[in-house]
Amino acid sequence: DAGVKVAAVIDSRTGVTARGDYRLIEGGQVI
């Protein structure tokens, strides 16, 4: 909403729904 680019949302859970037009990576972890 503020005009900042979102590269992705990495969510550790599965079965998650994105709340906007951004890339969603389910079941992910930063390593």
PDB file of all heavy atoms in Angstrom:
ATOM      1  N   ASP A   1       0.827  -1.213   0.000  1.00  0.00           N
ATOM      2  CA  ASP A   1       0.000   0.000   0.000  1.00  0.00           C
ATOM      3  C   ASP A   1       0.861   1.262   0.000  1.00  0.00           C
ATOM      4  O   ASP A   1       0.439   2.307  -0.504  1.00  0.00           O
ATOM      5  CB  ASP A   1      -0.923   0.006   1.220  1.00  0.00           C
ATOM      6  CG  ASP A   1      -2.051  -1.004   1.101  1.00  0.00           C
ATOM      7  OD1 ASP A   1      -2.281  -1.499  -0.034  1.00  0.00           O
ATOM      8  OD2 ASP A   1      -2.686  -1.315   2.127  1.00  0.00           O
ATOM      9  N   ALA A   2       2.060   1.165   0.565  1.00  0.00           N
ATOM     10  CA  ALA A   2       2.967   2.317   0.605  1.00  0.00           C
ATOM     11  C   ALA A   2       3.864   2.395  -0.617  1.00  0.00           C
ATOM     12  O   ALA A   2       4.716   3.289  -0.709  1.00  0.00           O
ATOM     13  CB  ALA A   2       3.823   2.250   1.872  1.00  0.00           C
ATOM     14  N   GLY A   3       3.694   1.456  -1.551  1.00  0.00           N
ATOM     15  CA  GLY A   3       4.494   1.477  -2.774  1.00  0.00           C
ATOM     16  C   GLY A   3       5.825   0.784  -2.671  1.00  0.00           C
ATOM     17  O   GLY A   3       6.696   0.973  -3.534  1.00  0.00           O
ATOM     18  N   VAL A   4       6.031  -0.021  -1.623  1.00  0.00           N
ATOM     19  CA  VAL A   4       7.283  -0.758  -1.463  1.00  0.00           C
ATOM     20  C   VAL A   4       7.120  -2.151  -2.067  1.00  0.00           C
ATOM     21  O   VAL A   4       6.108  -2.825  -1.830  1.00  0.00           O
ATOM     22  CB  VAL A   4       7.671  -0.868   0.030  1.00  0.00           C
ATOM     23  CG1 VAL A   4       8.964  -1.649   0.199  1.00  0.00           C
ATOM     24  CG2 VAL A   4       7.813   0.527   0.642  1.00  0.00           C
ATOM     25  N   LYS A   5       8.108  -2.595  -2.806  1.00  0.00           N
ATOM     26  CA  LYS A   5       8.040  -3.910  -3.451  1.00  0.00           C
ATOM     27  C   LYS A   5       8.211  -5.019  -2.411  1.00  0.00           C
ATOM     28  O   LYS A   5       9.097  -4.952  -1.552  1.00  0.00           O
ATOM     29  CB  LYS A   5       9.119  -4.035  -4.522  1.00  0.00           C
ATOM     30  CG  LYS A   5       9.081  -5.366  -5.259  1.00  0.00           C
ATOM     31  CD  LYS A   5      10.180  -5.454  -6.294  1.00  0.00           C
ATOM     32  CE  LYS A   5      10.173  -6.818  -6.992  1.00  0.00           C
ATOM     33  NZ  LYS A   5      11.276  -6.935  -7.973  1.00  0.00           N
ATOM     34  N   VAL A   6       7.373  -6.038  -2.500  1.00  0.00           N
ATOM     35  CA  VAL A   6       7.472  -7.220  -1.646  1.00  0.00           C
ATOM     36  C   VAL A   6       7.995  -8.372  -2.486  1.00  0.00           C
ATOM     37  O   VAL A   6       7.330  -8.812  -3.437  1.00  0.00           O
ATOM     38  CB  VAL A   6       6.111  -7.568  -1.013  1.00  0.00           C
ATOM     39  CG1 VAL A   6       6.201  -8.878  -0.230  1.00  0.00           C
ATOM     40  CG2 VAL A   6       5.642  -6.442  -0.084  1.00  0.00           C
ATOM     41  N   ALA A   7       9.186  -8.845  -2.162  1.00  0.00           N
ATOM     42  CA  ALA A   7       9.797  -9.924  -2.948  1.00  0.00           C
ATOM     43  C   ALA A   7       9.017 -11.221  -2.787  1.00  0.00           C
ATOM     44  O   ALA A   7       8.750 -11.914  -3.767  1.00  0.00           O
ATOM     45  CB  ALA A   7      11.253 -10.119  -2.518  1.00  0.00           C
ATOM     46  N   ALA A   8       8.647 -11.556  -1.551  1.00  0.00           N
ATOM     47  CA  ALA A   8       7.869 -12.774  -1.278  1.00  0.00           C
ATOM     48  C   ALA A   8       7.553 -12.834   0.203  1.00  0.00           C
ATOM     49  O   ALA A   8       8.239 -12.212   1.032  1.00  0.00           O
ATOM     50  CB  ALA A   8       8.627 -14.023  -1.706  1.00  0.00           C
ATOM     51  N   VAL A   9       6.529 -13.594   0.535  1.00  0.00           N
ATOM     52  CA  VAL A   9       6.243 -13.961   1.910  1.00  0.00           C
ATOM     53  C   VAL A   9       6.518 -15.452   2.042  1.00  0.00           C
ATOM     54  O   VAL A   9       5.869 -16.273   1.376  1.00  0.00           O
ATOM     55  CB  VAL A   9       4.792 -13.639   2.303  1.00  0.00           C
ATOM     56  CG1 VAL A   9       4.495 -14.192   3.696  1.00  0.00           C
ATOM     57  CG2 VAL A   9       4.540 -12.142   2.262  1.00  0.00           C
ATOM     58  N   ILE A  10       7.490 -15.793   2.866  1.00  0.00           N
ATOM     59  CA  ILE A  10       7.837 -17.190   3.114  1.00  0.00           C
ATOM     60  C   ILE A  10       7.152 -17.593   4.411  1.00  0.00           C
ATOM     61  O   ILE A  10       7.520 -17.117   5.494  1.00  0.00           O
ATOM     62  CB  ILE A  10       9.362 -17.365   3.222  1.00  0.00           C
ATOM     63  CG1 ILE A  10      10.041 -16.879   1.943  1.00  0.00           C
ATOM     64  CG2 ILE A  10       9.726 -18.819   3.500  1.00  0.00           C
ATOM     65  CD1 ILE A  10      11.551 -16.762   2.057  1.00  0.00           C
ATOM     66  N   ASP A  11       6.143 -18.435   4.305  1.00  0.00           N
ATOM     67  CA  ASP A  11       5.355 -18.846   5.466  1.00  0.00           C
ATOM     68  C   ASP A  11       5.674 -20.296   5.793  1.00  0.00           C
ATOM     69  O   ASP A  11       5.620 -21.165   4.916  1.00  0.00           O
ATOM     70  CB  ASP A  11       3.859 -18.673   5.175  1.00  0.00           C
ATOM     71  CG  ASP A  11       3.024 -18.635   6.454  1.00  0.00           C
ATOM     72  OD1 ASP A  11       3.239 -19.499   7.328  1.00  0.00           O
ATOM     73  OD2 ASP A  11       2.158 -17.748   6.579  1.00  0.00           O
ATOM     74  N   SER A  12       6.009 -20.556   7.063  1.00  0.00           N
ATOM     75  CA  SER A  12       6.387 -21.913   7.461  1.00  0.00           C
ATOM     76  C   SER A  12       5.207 -22.873   7.436  1.00  0.00           C
ATOM     77  O   SER A  12       5.401 -24.093   7.486  1.00  0.00           O
ATOM     78  CB  SER A  12       7.009 -21.886   8.864  1.00  0.00           C
ATOM     79  OG  SER A  12       6.053 -21.437   9.818  1.00  0.00           O
ATOM     80  N   ARG A  13       3.976 -22.339   7.356  1.00  0.00           N
ATOM     81  CA  ARG A  13       2.784 -23.178   7.364  1.00  0.00           C
ATOM     82  C   ARG A  13       2.352 -23.529   5.942  1.00  0.00           C
ATOM     83  O   ARG A  13       2.775 -22.908   4.973  1.00  0.00           O
ATOM     84  CB  ARG A  13       1.641 -22.438   8.082  1.00  0.00           C
ATOM     85  CG  ARG A  13       1.982 -21.992   9.489  1.00  0.00           C
ATOM     86  CD  ARG A  13       0.959 -20.992  10.003  1.00  0.00           C
ATOM     87  NE  ARG A  13       0.901 -19.794   9.169  1.00  0.00           N
ATOM     88  CZ  ARG A  13      -0.062 -18.877   9.238  1.00  0.00           C
ATOM     89  NH1 ARG A  13      -1.053 -19.033  10.099  1.00  0.00           N
ATOM     90  NH2 ARG A  13      -0.035 -17.817   8.451  1.00  0.00           N
ATOM     91  N   THR A  14       1.500 -24.530   5.834  1.00  0.00           N
ATOM     92  CA  THR A  14       0.861 -24.863   4.561  1.00  0.00           C
ATOM     93  C   THR A  14      -0.631 -24.558   4.659  1.00  0.00           C
ATOM     94  O   THR A  14      -1.168 -24.379   5.751  1.00  0.00           O
ATOM     95  CB  THR A  14       1.072 -26.347   4.215  1.00  0.00           C
ATOM     96  OG1 THR A  14       0.573 -27.163   5.284  1.00  0.00           O
ATOM     97  CG2 THR A  14       2.556 -26.647   4.001  1.00  0.00           C
ATOM     98  N   GLY A  15      -1.275 -24.484   3.532  1.00  0.00           N
ATOM     99  CA  GLY A  15      -2.691 -24.162   3.521  1.00  0.00           C
ATOM    100  C   GLY A  15      -2.971 -22.715   3.862  1.00  0.00           C
ATOM    101  O   GLY A  15      -4.019 -22.387   4.425  1.00  0.00           O
ATOM    102  N   VAL A  16      -2.040 -21.834   3.521  1.00  0.00           N
ATOM    103  CA  VAL A  16      -2.154 -20.414   3.833  1.00  0.00           C
ATOM    104  C   VAL A  16      -2.652 -19.669   2.596  1.00  0.00           C
ATOM    105  O   VAL A  16      -2.313 -20.019   1.466  1.00  0.00           O
ATOM    106  CB  VAL A  16      -0.798 -19.836   4.281  1.00  0.00           C
ATOM    107  CG1 VAL A  16      -0.933 -18.383   4.694  1.00  0.00           C
ATOM    108  CG2 VAL A  16      -0.228 -20.666   5.417  1.00  0.00           C
ATOM    109  N   THR A  17      -3.452 -18.639   2.810  1.00  0.00           N
ATOM    110  CA  THR A  17      -3.965 -17.818   1.715  1.00  0.00           C
ATOM    111  C   THR A  17      -3.331 -16.441   1.777  1.00  0.00           C
ATOM    112  O   THR A  17      -3.284 -15.819   2.843  1.00  0.00           O
ATOM    113  CB  THR A  17      -5.494 -17.674   1.806  1.00  0.00           C
ATOM    114  OG1 THR A  17      -6.086 -18.979   1.808  1.00  0.00           O
ATOM    115  CG2 THR A  17      -6.038 -16.863   0.636  1.00  0.00           C
ATOM    116  N   ALA A  18      -2.842 -15.964   0.625  1.00  0.00           N
ATOM    117  CA  ALA A  18      -2.268 -14.618   0.561  1.00  0.00           C
ATOM    118  C   ALA A  18      -3.357 -13.574   0.747  1.00  0.00           C
ATOM    119  O   ALA A  18      -4.502 -13.765   0.325  1.00  0.00           O
ATOM    120  CB  ALA A  18      -1.555 -14.426  -0.768  1.00  0.00           C
ATOM    121  N   ARG A  19      -2.986 -12.474   1.379  1.00  0.00           N
ATOM    122  CA  ARG A  19      -3.939 -11.389   1.611  1.00  0.00           C
ATOM    123  C   ARG A  19      -3.819 -10.284   0.563  1.00  0.00           C
ATOM    124  O   ARG A  19      -4.477  -9.246   0.687  1.00  0.00           O
ATOM    125  CB  ARG A  19      -3.732 -10.795   2.998  1.00  0.00           C
ATOM    126  CG  ARG A  19      -4.001 -11.777   4.127  1.00  0.00           C
ATOM    127  CD  ARG A  19      -3.977 -11.076   5.468  1.00  0.00           C
ATOM    128  NE  ARG A  19      -4.302 -11.991   6.558  1.00  0.00           N
ATOM    129  CZ  ARG A  19      -4.465 -11.607   7.813  1.00  0.00           C
ATOM    130  NH1 ARG A  19      -4.340 -10.320   8.128  1.00  0.00           N
ATOM    131  NH2 ARG A  19      -4.751 -12.477   8.763  1.00  0.00           N
ATOM    132  N   GLY A  20      -2.988 -10.496  -0.424  1.00  0.00           N
ATOM    133  CA  GLY A  20      -2.804  -9.487  -1.452  1.00  0.00           C
ATOM    134  C   GLY A  20      -2.087 -10.079  -2.645  1.00  0.00           C
ATOM    135  O   GLY A  20      -1.859 -11.297  -2.728  1.00  0.00           O
ATOM    136  N   ASP A  21      -1.704  -9.209  -3.560  1.00  0.00           N
ATOM    137  CA  ASP A  21      -1.052  -9.643  -4.793  1.00  0.00           C
ATOM    138  C   ASP A  21       0.458  -9.715  -4.578  1.00  0.00           C
ATOM    139  O   ASP A  21       1.234  -8.911  -5.099  1.00  0.00           O
ATOM    140  CB  ASP A  21      -1.396  -8.675  -5.928  1.00  0.00           C
ATOM    141  CG  ASP A  21      -0.850  -9.155  -7.274  1.00  0.00           C
ATOM    142  OD1 ASP A  21      -0.563 -10.363  -7.393  1.00  0.00           O
ATOM    143  OD2 ASP A  21      -0.690  -8.309  -8.175  1.00  0.00           O
ATOM    144  N   TYR A  22       0.881 -10.676  -3.763  1.00  0.00           N
ATOM    145  CA  TYR A  22       2.304 -10.890  -3.550  1.00  0.00           C
ATOM    146  C   TYR A  22       2.596 -12.380  -3.655  1.00  0.00           C
ATOM    147  O   TYR A  22       1.697 -13.223  -3.525  1.00  0.00           O
ATOM    148  CB  TYR A  22       2.750 -10.357  -2.179  1.00  0.00           C
ATOM    149  CG  TYR A  22       1.937 -10.860  -0.997  1.00  0.00           C
ATOM    150  CD1 TYR A  22       2.192 -12.094  -0.415  1.00  0.00           C
ATOM    151  CD2 TYR A  22       0.923 -10.072  -0.437  1.00  0.00           C
ATOM    152  CE1 TYR A  22       1.457 -12.549   0.668  1.00  0.00           C
ATOM    153  CE2 TYR A  22       0.192 -10.506   0.650  1.00  0.00           C
ATOM    154  CZ  TYR A  22       0.463 -11.748   1.200  1.00  0.00           C
ATOM    155  OH  TYR A  22      -0.273 -12.196   2.268  1.00  0.00           O
ATOM    156  N   ARG A  23       3.857 -12.695  -3.871  1.00  0.00           N
ATOM    157  CA  ARG A  23       4.276 -14.097  -4.007  1.00  0.00           C
ATOM    158  C   ARG A  23       4.272 -14.752  -2.628  1.00  0.00           C
ATOM    159  O   ARG A  23       4.859 -14.240  -1.682  1.00  0.00           O
ATOM    160  CB  ARG A  23       5.673 -14.164  -4.620  1.00  0.00           C
ATOM    161  CG  ARG A  23       6.187 -15.585  -4.834  1.00  0.00           C
ATOM    162  CD  ARG A  23       7.624 -15.567  -5.318  1.00  0.00           C
ATOM    163  NE  ARG A  23       8.176 -16.904  -5.441  1.00  0.00           N
ATOM    164  CZ  ARG A  23       9.464 -17.176  -5.628  1.00  0.00           C
ATOM    165  NH1 ARG A  23      10.338 -16.157  -5.721  1.00  0.00           N
ATOM    166  NH2 ARG A  23       9.883 -18.424  -5.723  1.00  0.00           N
ATOM    167  N   LEU A  24       3.606 -15.891  -2.532  1.00  0.00           N
ATOM    168  CA  LEU A  24       3.524 -16.627  -1.280  1.00  0.00           C
ATOM    169  C   LEU A  24       4.222 -17.968  -1.435  1.00  0.00           C
ATOM    170  O   LEU A  24       3.899 -18.743  -2.343  1.00  0.00           O
ATOM    171  CB  LEU A  24       2.068 -16.845  -0.869  1.00  0.00           C
ATOM    172  CG  LEU A  24       1.819 -17.718   0.364  1.00  0.00           C
ATOM    173  CD1 LEU A  24       2.466 -17.114   1.599  1.00  0.00           C
ATOM    174  CD2 LEU A  24       0.324 -17.937   0.581  1.00  0.00           C
ATOM    175  N   ILE A  25       5.187 -18.238  -0.538  1.00  0.00           N
ATOM    176  CA  ILE A  25       5.907 -19.507  -0.537  1.00  0.00           C
ATOM    177  C   ILE A  25       5.473 -20.262   0.718  1.00  0.00           C
ATOM    178  O   ILE A  25       5.838 -19.902   1.841  1.00  0.00           O
ATOM    179  CB  ILE A  25       7.427 -19.294  -0.553  1.00  0.00           C
ATOM    180  CG1 ILE A  25       7.835 -18.493  -1.794  1.00  0.00           C
ATOM    181  CG2 ILE A  25       8.165 -20.630  -0.492  1.00  0.00           C
ATOM    182  CD1 ILE A  25       9.287 -18.046  -1.788  1.00  0.00           C
ATOM    183  N   GLU A  26       4.661 -21.305   0.535  1.00  0.00           N
ATOM    184  CA  GLU A  26       4.133 -22.056   1.667  1.00  0.00           C
ATOM    185  C   GLU A  26       5.119 -23.116   2.143  1.00  0.00           C
ATOM    186  O   GLU A  26       5.910 -23.656   1.347  1.00  0.00           O
ATOM    187  CB  GLU A  26       2.819 -22.736   1.282  1.00  0.00           C
ATOM    188  CG  GLU A  26       1.698 -21.778   0.929  1.00  0.00           C
ATOM    189  CD  GLU A  26       0.418 -22.534   0.652  1.00  0.00           C
ATOM    190  OE1 GLU A  26      -0.099 -23.168   1.594  1.00  0.00           O
ATOM    191  OE2 GLU A  26      -0.062 -22.509  -0.499  1.00  0.00           O
ATOM    192  N   GLY A  27       5.053 -23.432   3.434  1.00  0.00           N
ATOM    193  CA  GLY A  27       5.906 -24.469   4.003  1.00  0.00           C
ATOM    194  C   GLY A  27       7.377 -24.165   3.881  1.00  0.00           C
ATOM    195  O   GLY A  27       8.198 -25.082   3.790  1.00  0.00           O
ATOM    196  N   GLY A  28       7.737 -22.889   3.887  1.00  0.00           N
ATOM    197  CA  GLY A  28       9.127 -22.490   3.679  1.00  0.00           C
ATOM    198  C   GLY A  28       9.810 -22.044   4.954  1.00  0.00           C
ATOM    199  O   GLY A  28       9.166 -21.624   5.919  1.00  0.00           O
ATOM    200  N   GLN A  29      11.124 -22.137   4.941  1.00  0.00           N
ATOM    201  CA  GLN A  29      11.950 -21.667   6.050  1.00  0.00           C
ATOM    202  C   GLN A  29      13.213 -21.040   5.490  1.00  0.00           C
ATOM    203  O   GLN A  29      13.811 -21.567   4.538  1.00  0.00           O
ATOM    204  CB  GLN A  29      12.329 -22.817   6.990  1.00  0.00           C
ATOM    205  CG  GLN A  29      11.165 -23.480   7.692  1.00  0.00           C
ATOM    206  CD  GLN A  29      11.609 -24.627   8.582  1.00  0.00           C
ATOM    207  OE1 GLN A  29      12.789 -25.003   8.610  1.00  0.00           O
ATOM    208  NE2 GLN A  29      10.674 -25.190   9.325  1.00  0.00           N
ATOM    209  N   VAL A  30      13.630 -19.925   6.060  1.00  0.00           N
ATOM    210  CA  VAL A  30      14.884 -19.300   5.659  1.00  0.00           C
ATOM    211  C   VAL A  30      16.032 -20.068   6.301  1.00  0.00           C
ATOM    212  O   VAL A  30      16.040 -20.277   7.520  1.00  0.00           O
ATOM    213  CB  VAL A  30      14.925 -17.814   6.083  1.00  0.00           C
ATOM    214  CG1 VAL A  30      16.274 -17.191   5.730  1.00  0.00           C
ATOM    215  CG2 VAL A  30      13.794 -17.043   5.420  1.00  0.00           C
ATOM    216  N   ILE A  31      16.986 -20.482   5.494  1.00  0.00           N
ATOM    217  CA  ILE A  31      18.079 -21.310   6.003  1.00  0.00           C
ATOM    218  C   ILE A  31      19.449 -20.665   5.799  1.00  0.00           C
ATOM    219  O   ILE A  31      20.476 -21.265   6.118  1.00  0.00           O
ATOM    220  CB  ILE A  31      18.085 -22.711   5.341  1.00  0.00           C
ATOM    221  CG1 ILE A  31      18.205 -22.592   3.827  1.00  0.00           C
ATOM    222  CG2 ILE A  31      16.827 -23.480   5.719  1.00  0.00           C
ATOM    223  CD1 ILE A  31      18.403 -23.937   3.121  1.00  0.00           C
TER     224      ILE A  31
END
